Amino acid sequence: MADKSVITNLEARVKQLIDDHKRLSELCSELTAQRDTLRSEKRTLEERVRELDAELARMQLTEGLAGESRNRKKARARVNRLMREVDKCIALLGQPLAVPKAE
């Protein structure tokens, strides 16, 4: 009789473990789907932040160049930096290409 109660007890524990496993597997699937959704939303929001930062920089530059802002020095410095970069690119375009010598 003692053997029968041990077997019944083990059977009940195994059923409980199986039920817990199913429940946790479903929860894991739900959380994985939620994580994927949140990652996608995060990427979208990060892209939007980049767009807004670029728009803000353009607006500050425009405002600074219009001469109506305390950002005028920053705007002029940025334009000067961009002009130097363009000048470097033009200088690189004017240089002859180095052709490797065949021996």
Protein backbone atom coordinates (compact mmCIF):
# COMPACT_ATOMS: atom_id res chain seq x y z
CA MET A 1 0.00 0.00 0.00
CA ALA A 2 2.86 2.35 0.77
CA ASP A 3 4.20 1.76 -2.73
CA LYS A 4 0.88 2.81 -4.24
CA SER A 5 0.84 6.14 -2.36
CA VAL A 6 4.44 6.85 -3.41
CA ILE A 7 3.53 6.19 -7.05
CA THR A 8 0.39 8.35 -6.77
CA ASN A 9 2.42 11.13 -5.18
CA LEU A 10 5.06 10.94 -7.96
CA GLU A 11 2.35 10.89 -10.60
CA ALA A 12 0.78 14.04 -9.14
CA ARG A 13 4.16 15.79 -9.06
CA VAL A 14 4.92 14.83 -12.66
CA LYS A 15 1.52 16.16 -13.79
CA GLN A 16 2.18 19.38 -11.91
CA LEU A 17 5.61 19.71 -13.55
CA ILE A 18 4.12 19.12 -17.00
CA ASP A 19 1.42 21.73 -16.37
CA ASP A 20 4.01 24.21 -15.09
CA HIS A 21 6.18 23.57 -18.14
CA LYS A 22 3.28 24.21 -20.54
CA ARG A 23 2.29 27.38 -18.70
CA LEU A 24 5.85 28.69 -18.64
CA SER A 25 6.39 27.84 -22.30
CA GLU A 26 3.31 29.86 -23.25
CA LEU A 27 4.46 32.74 -21.06
CA CYS A 28 7.90 32.60 -22.67
CA SER A 29 6.33 32.79 -26.14
CA GLU A 30 4.20 35.77 -25.14
CA LEU A 31 7.16 37.58 -23.64
CA THR A 32 9.30 36.87 -26.70
CA ALA A 33 6.62 38.37 -28.95
CA GLN A 34 6.32 41.38 -26.65
CA ARG A 35 10.11 41.83 -26.67
CA ASP A 36 10.21 41.75 -30.47
CA THR A 37 7.42 44.33 -30.66
CA LEU A 38 9.23 46.61 -28.20
CA ARG A 39 12.51 46.28 -30.12
CA SER A 40 10.77 47.29 -33.32
CA GLU A 41 9.14 50.25 -31.59
CA LYS A 42 12.50 51.25 -30.12
CA ARG A 43 14.14 51.23 -33.57
CA THR A 44 11.31 53.38 -34.93
CA LEU A 45 11.63 55.86 -32.08
CA GLU A 46 15.42 56.03 -32.40
CA GLU A 47 15.05 56.82 -36.10
CA ARG A 48 12.53 59.53 -35.28
CA VAL A 49 14.94 61.04 -32.73
CA ARG A 50 17.70 61.11 -35.37
CA GLU A 51 15.35 62.84 -37.82
CA LEU A 52 14.30 65.40 -35.22
CA ASP A 53 17.92 66.05 -34.22
CA ALA A 54 18.81 66.69 -37.86
CA GLU A 55 15.81 68.97 -38.28
CA LEU A 56 16.74 70.87 -35.13
CA ALA A 57 20.31 71.32 -36.37
CA ARG A 58 19.01 72.63 -39.70
CA MET A 59 16.64 75.02 -37.96
CA GLN A 60 19.38 76.31 -35.66
CA LEU A 61 21.66 76.81 -38.64
CA THR A 62 18.95 78.66 -40.54
CA GLU A 63 18.11 80.78 -37.53
CA GLY A 64 21.78 81.51 -36.91
CA LEU A 65 22.42 82.53 -40.49
CA ALA A 66 19.41 84.81 -40.45
CA GLY A 67 21.22 86.83 -37.81
CA GLU A 68 18.37 86.79 -35.35
CA SER A 69 19.82 84.39 -32.84
CA ARG A 70 22.42 83.88 -30.18
CA ASN A 71 23.40 80.77 -32.19
CA ARG A 72 24.93 82.91 -34.92
CA LYS A 73 28.51 82.05 -33.91
CA LYS A 74 27.71 78.34 -33.86
CA ALA A 75 26.05 78.57 -37.26
CA ARG A 76 28.99 80.41 -38.79
CA ALA A 77 31.43 77.92 -37.28
CA ARG A 78 29.43 75.04 -38.73
CA VAL A 79 29.28 76.65 -42.18
CA ASN A 80 33.02 77.27 -42.02
CA ARG A 81 33.65 73.65 -41.03
CA LEU A 82 31.48 72.43 -43.89
CA MET A 83 33.27 74.74 -46.32
CA ARG A 84 36.67 73.39 -45.22
CA GLU A 85 35.39 69.86 -45.75
CA VAL A 86 34.16 70.75 -49.25
CA ASP A 87 37.52 72.38 -50.01
CA LYS A 88 39.35 69.21 -48.93
CA CYS A 89 37.12 67.12 -51.20
CA ILE A 90 37.78 69.45 -54.13
CA ALA A 91 41.52 69.26 -53.46
CA LEU A 92 41.36 65.46 -53.43
CA LEU A 93 39.51 65.47 -56.75
CA GLY A 94 42.26 67.63 -58.27
CA GLN A 95 45.04 65.23 -57.32
CA PRO A 96 46.25 62.75 -59.97
CA LEU A 97 45.58 59.12 -59.28
CA ALA A 98 48.57 57.07 -58.19
CA VAL A 99 48.96 54.17 -60.62
CA PRO A 100 51.01 51.21 -59.31
CA LYS A 101 54.10 50.50 -61.42
CA ALA A 102 54.36 47.10 -63.05
CA GLU A 103 57.79 45.52 -62.77
